[in-house]
Amino acid sequence: MSAERESRPGTNRTAKVNLSESIVSGDEPNRARPHLIGASVEKALDGALWDLIHGRTGLHELTPALAGFYTLGHAAGIKSAELTIARLQFEADRLYVQAFNPADRARIIQQRMDEHFAAEWERFLNTEGGSL
């Protein structure tokens, strides 16, 4: 740690966590503190989050620790969506092949043309003057 960091208020005390009471206590044992990390800076973090969402703040303007939380959350979101993305990509590929596979499409077109010309041939034979 640098001397600058050590001289900041609140960095030279130790914290004890009582899990049964969910209270963090430091050098002020009689004062209850919130058990959530970051609760004391909630409003500032919320404001920074909304500035980031609306583009008023860039990721490069955050402290490394805060940018780390953002990056970690982004990576977790991508990881949680990977299975869904893979499944949807497979389904899109399957539907594309089904719709645009040249071999299948050519077979379907040929079948339709054969049916059409067979029906036209029958119609021709059943009309007046339609004999060979």
C-alpha atoms as a PDB file:
ATOM      1  CA  MET A   1       0.000   0.000   0.000  1.00  0.00           C
ATOM      2  CA  SER A   2       1.171   3.494  -0.652  1.00  0.00           C
ATOM      3  CA  ALA A   3       1.541   6.057   2.102  1.00  0.00           C
ATOM      4  CA  GLU A   4      -1.176   8.141   0.469  1.00  0.00           C
ATOM      5  CA  ARG A   5      -3.680   5.326   0.678  1.00  0.00           C
ATOM      6  CA  GLU A   6      -2.722   4.511   4.263  1.00  0.00           C
ATOM      7  CA  SER A   7      -3.217   8.106   5.351  1.00  0.00           C
ATOM      8  CA  ARG A   8      -6.773   8.285   4.034  1.00  0.00           C
ATOM      9  CA  PRO A   9      -9.491   8.255   6.698  1.00  0.00           C
ATOM     10  CA  GLY A  10     -10.804   4.855   7.581  1.00  0.00           C
ATOM     11  CA  THR A  11      -8.029   2.770   6.062  1.00  0.00           C
ATOM     12  CA  ASN A  12      -6.013   2.121   9.214  1.00  0.00           C
ATOM     13  CA  ARG A  13      -8.727   0.342  11.136  1.00  0.00           C
ATOM     14  CA  THR A  14      -9.685  -3.293  11.101  1.00  0.00           C
ATOM     15  CA  ALA A  15     -13.183  -4.540  10.491  1.00  0.00           C
ATOM     16  CA  LYS A  16     -14.775  -7.444  12.304  1.00  0.00           C
ATOM     17  CA  VAL A  17     -17.808  -9.133  10.847  1.00  0.00           C
ATOM     18  CA  ASN A  18     -20.364 -10.722  13.120  1.00  0.00           C
ATOM     19  CA  LEU A  19     -22.243 -13.056  10.775  1.00  0.00           C
ATOM     20  CA  SER A  20     -24.998 -13.811  13.250  1.00  0.00           C
ATOM     21  CA  GLU A  21     -25.981 -10.137  13.458  1.00  0.00           C
ATOM     22  CA  SER A  22     -24.849  -9.002   9.998  1.00  0.00           C
ATOM     23  CA  ILE A  23     -23.219  -5.893  11.482  1.00  0.00           C
ATOM     24  CA  VAL A  24     -19.801  -4.613  10.528  1.00  0.00           C
ATOM     25  CA  SER A  25     -17.942  -2.991  13.391  1.00  0.00           C
ATOM     26  CA  GLY A  26     -14.651  -1.126  13.353  1.00  0.00           C
ATOM     27  CA  ASP A  27     -13.167   1.318  15.793  1.00  0.00           C
ATOM     28  CA  GLU A  28     -16.689   2.387  16.840  1.00  0.00           C
ATOM     29  CA  PRO A  29     -18.084  -0.784  18.457  1.00  0.00           C
ATOM     30  CA  ASN A  30     -21.423   0.702  19.562  1.00  0.00           C
ATOM     31  CA  ARG A  31     -22.450   2.016  16.138  1.00  0.00           C
ATOM     32  CA  ALA A  32     -24.344  -0.367  13.828  1.00  0.00           C
ATOM     33  CA  ARG A  33     -23.364  -0.193  10.172  1.00  0.00           C
ATOM     34  CA  PRO A  34     -25.069  -1.599   7.128  1.00  0.00           C
ATOM     35  CA  HIS A  35     -23.935  -5.092   6.254  1.00  0.00           C
ATOM     36  CA  LEU A  36     -23.978  -4.544   2.491  1.00  0.00           C
ATOM     37  CA  ILE A  37     -20.707  -3.552   0.885  1.00  0.00           C
ATOM     38  CA  GLY A  38     -21.108  -0.156  -0.735  1.00  0.00           C
ATOM     39  CA  ALA A  39     -24.218   0.825   1.213  1.00  0.00           C
ATOM     40  CA  SER A  40     -22.554   4.006   2.429  1.00  0.00           C
ATOM     41  CA  VAL A  41     -21.973   5.191  -1.175  1.00  0.00           C
ATOM     42  CA  GLU A  42     -25.210   3.860  -2.657  1.00  0.00           C
ATOM     43  CA  LYS A  43     -26.477   7.221  -3.954  1.00  0.00           C
ATOM     44  CA  ALA A  44     -23.164   8.085  -5.612  1.00  0.00           C
ATOM     45  CA  LEU A  45     -22.910   4.634  -7.204  1.00  0.00           C
ATOM     46  CA  ASP A  46     -26.509   4.827  -8.421  1.00  0.00           C
ATOM     47  CA  GLY A  47     -25.848   8.224  -9.986  1.00  0.00           C
ATOM     48  CA  ALA A  48     -22.669   6.931 -11.651  1.00  0.00           C
ATOM     49  CA  LEU A  49     -24.577   3.917 -12.972  1.00  0.00           C
ATOM     50  CA  TRP A  50     -27.305   6.034 -14.557  1.00  0.00           C
ATOM     51  CA  ASP A  51     -24.715   8.416 -16.019  1.00  0.00           C
ATOM     52  CA  LEU A  52     -22.994   5.381 -17.546  1.00  0.00           C
ATOM     53  CA  ILE A  53     -26.281   3.985 -18.878  1.00  0.00           C
ATOM     54  CA  HIS A  54     -27.271   7.295 -20.486  1.00  0.00           C
ATOM     55  CA  GLY A  55     -23.823   7.903 -21.935  1.00  0.00           C
ATOM     56  CA  ARG A  56     -22.993  10.931 -19.808  1.00  0.00           C
ATOM     57  CA  THR A  57     -20.043   9.017 -18.330  1.00  0.00           C
ATOM     58  CA  GLY A  58     -17.658   6.695 -20.112  1.00  0.00           C
ATOM     59  CA  LEU A  59     -16.275   3.462 -18.726  1.00  0.00           C
ATOM     60  CA  HIS A  60     -12.815   5.029 -18.890  1.00  0.00           C
ATOM     61  CA  GLU A  61     -13.954   7.688 -16.387  1.00  0.00           C
ATOM     62  CA  LEU A  62     -14.671   5.146 -13.636  1.00  0.00           C
ATOM     63  CA  THR A  63     -12.163   4.098 -11.029  1.00  0.00           C
ATOM     64  CA  PRO A  64     -10.481   0.766 -11.806  1.00  0.00           C
ATOM     65  CA  ALA A  65     -12.433  -0.981  -9.045  1.00  0.00           C
ATOM     66  CA  LEU A  66     -15.786   0.346 -10.242  1.00  0.00           C
ATOM     67  CA  ALA A  67     -14.943  -0.439 -13.871  1.00  0.00           C
ATOM     68  CA  GLY A  68     -14.013  -3.924 -12.669  1.00  0.00           C
ATOM     69  CA  PHE A  69     -17.473  -4.431 -11.182  1.00  0.00           C
ATOM     70  CA  TYR A  70     -19.042  -3.235 -14.435  1.00  0.00           C
ATOM     71  CA  THR A  71     -16.820  -5.508 -16.533  1.00  0.00           C
ATOM     72  CA  LEU A  72     -17.448  -8.482 -14.262  1.00  0.00           C
ATOM     73  CA  GLY A  73     -21.207  -7.952 -14.502  1.00  0.00           C
ATOM     74  CA  HIS A  74     -21.003  -7.646 -18.284  1.00  0.00           C
ATOM     75  CA  ALA A  75     -18.998 -10.878 -18.536  1.00  0.00           C
ATOM     76  CA  ALA A  76     -21.473 -12.684 -16.262  1.00  0.00           C
ATOM     77  CA  GLY A  77     -24.362 -11.488 -18.430  1.00  0.00           C
ATOM     78  CA  ILE A  78     -22.689 -12.734 -21.586  1.00  0.00           C
ATOM     79  CA  LYS A  79     -21.918 -16.094 -19.967  1.00  0.00           C
ATOM     80  CA  SER A  80     -25.520 -16.532 -18.833  1.00  0.00           C
ATOM     81  CA  ALA A  81     -26.799 -15.811 -22.353  1.00  0.00           C
ATOM     82  CA  GLU A  82     -24.340 -18.057 -24.218  1.00  0.00           C
ATOM     83  CA  LEU A  83     -26.525 -21.177 -24.073  1.00  0.00           C
ATOM     84  CA  THR A  84     -29.587 -19.287 -25.312  1.00  0.00           C
ATOM     85  CA  ILE A  85     -27.581 -17.645 -28.078  1.00  0.00           C
ATOM     86  CA  ALA A  86     -26.142 -21.011 -29.167  1.00  0.00           C
ATOM     87  CA  ARG A  87     -29.609 -22.607 -29.211  1.00  0.00           C
ATOM     88  CA  LEU A  88     -31.117 -19.741 -31.209  1.00  0.00           C
ATOM     89  CA  GLN A  89     -28.190 -19.737 -33.657  1.00  0.00           C
ATOM     90  CA  PHE A  90     -28.672 -23.476 -34.222  1.00  0.00           C
ATOM     91  CA  GLU A  91     -32.399 -22.931 -34.823  1.00  0.00           C
ATOM     92  CA  ALA A  92     -31.699 -20.051 -37.240  1.00  0.00           C
ATOM     93  CA  ASP A  93     -29.209 -22.201 -39.151  1.00  0.00           C
ATOM     94  CA  ARG A  94     -31.682 -25.079 -39.302  1.00  0.00           C
ATOM     95  CA  LEU A  95     -34.448 -22.862 -40.627  1.00  0.00           C
ATOM     96  CA  TYR A  96     -32.111 -21.266 -43.179  1.00  0.00           C
ATOM     97  CA  VAL A  97     -31.058 -24.657 -44.515  1.00  0.00           C
ATOM     98  CA  GLN A  98     -34.668 -25.764 -44.595  1.00  0.00           C
ATOM     99  CA  ALA A  99     -35.716 -22.666 -46.544  1.00  0.00           C
ATOM    100  CA  PHE A 100     -32.724 -22.140 -48.822  1.00  0.00           C
ATOM    101  CA  ASN A 101     -30.952 -25.465 -49.295  1.00  0.00           C
ATOM    102  CA  PRO A 102     -30.407 -25.575 -53.072  1.00  0.00           C
ATOM    103  CA  ALA A 103     -30.770 -29.358 -53.368  1.00  0.00           C
ATOM    104  CA  ASP A 104     -34.042 -29.470 -51.475  1.00  0.00           C
ATOM    105  CA  ARG A 105     -35.286 -26.332 -53.161  1.00  0.00           C
ATOM    106  CA  ALA A 106     -34.484 -27.676 -56.622  1.00  0.00           C
ATOM    107  CA  ARG A 107     -36.270 -30.936 -55.767  1.00  0.00           C
ATOM    108  CA  ILE A 108     -39.352 -29.059 -54.563  1.00  0.00           C
ATOM    109  CA  ILE A 109     -39.410 -26.795 -57.624  1.00  0.00           C
ATOM    110  CA  GLN A 110     -39.010 -29.804 -59.953  1.00  0.00           C
ATOM    111  CA  GLN A 111     -41.808 -31.648 -58.135  1.00  0.00           C
ATOM    112  CA  ARG A 112     -44.141 -28.648 -58.494  1.00  0.00           C
ATOM    113  CA  MET A 113     -43.264 -28.260 -62.178  1.00  0.00           C
ATOM    114  CA  ASP A 114     -43.849 -31.998 -62.802  1.00  0.00           C
ATOM    115  CA  GLU A 115     -47.249 -31.800 -61.080  1.00  0.00           C
ATOM    116  CA  HIS A 116     -48.149 -28.687 -63.042  1.00  0.00           C
ATOM    117  CA  PHE A 117     -47.153 -30.130 -66.431  1.00  0.00           C
ATOM    118  CA  ALA A 118     -48.839 -33.455 -65.655  1.00  0.00           C
ATOM    119  CA  ALA A 119     -52.046 -31.580 -64.848  1.00  0.00           C
ATOM    120  CA  GLU A 120     -51.669 -29.429 -67.989  1.00  0.00           C
ATOM    121  CA  TRP A 121     -51.055 -32.555 -70.102  1.00  0.00           C
ATOM    122  CA  GLU A 122     -54.213 -34.170 -68.721  1.00  0.00           C
ATOM    123  CA  ARG A 123     -56.164 -30.999 -69.402  1.00  0.00           C
ATOM    124  CA  PHE A 124     -54.790 -30.866 -72.957  1.00  0.00           C
ATOM    125  CA  LEU A 125     -55.745 -34.513 -73.618  1.00  0.00           C
ATOM    126  CA  ASN A 126     -59.263 -33.938 -72.291  1.00  0.00           C
ATOM    127  CA  THR A 127     -59.999 -30.940 -74.511  1.00  0.00           C
ATOM    128  CA  GLU A 128     -61.251 -30.977 -78.064  1.00  0.00           C
ATOM    129  CA  GLY A 129     -58.348 -31.342 -80.477  1.00  0.00           C
ATOM    130  CA  GLY A 130     -56.058 -32.504 -77.747  1.00  0.00           C
ATOM    131  CA  SER A 131     -54.986 -35.774 -79.222  1.00  0.00           C
ATOM    132  CA  LEU A 132     -51.668 -36.737 -80.686  1.00  0.00           C
END
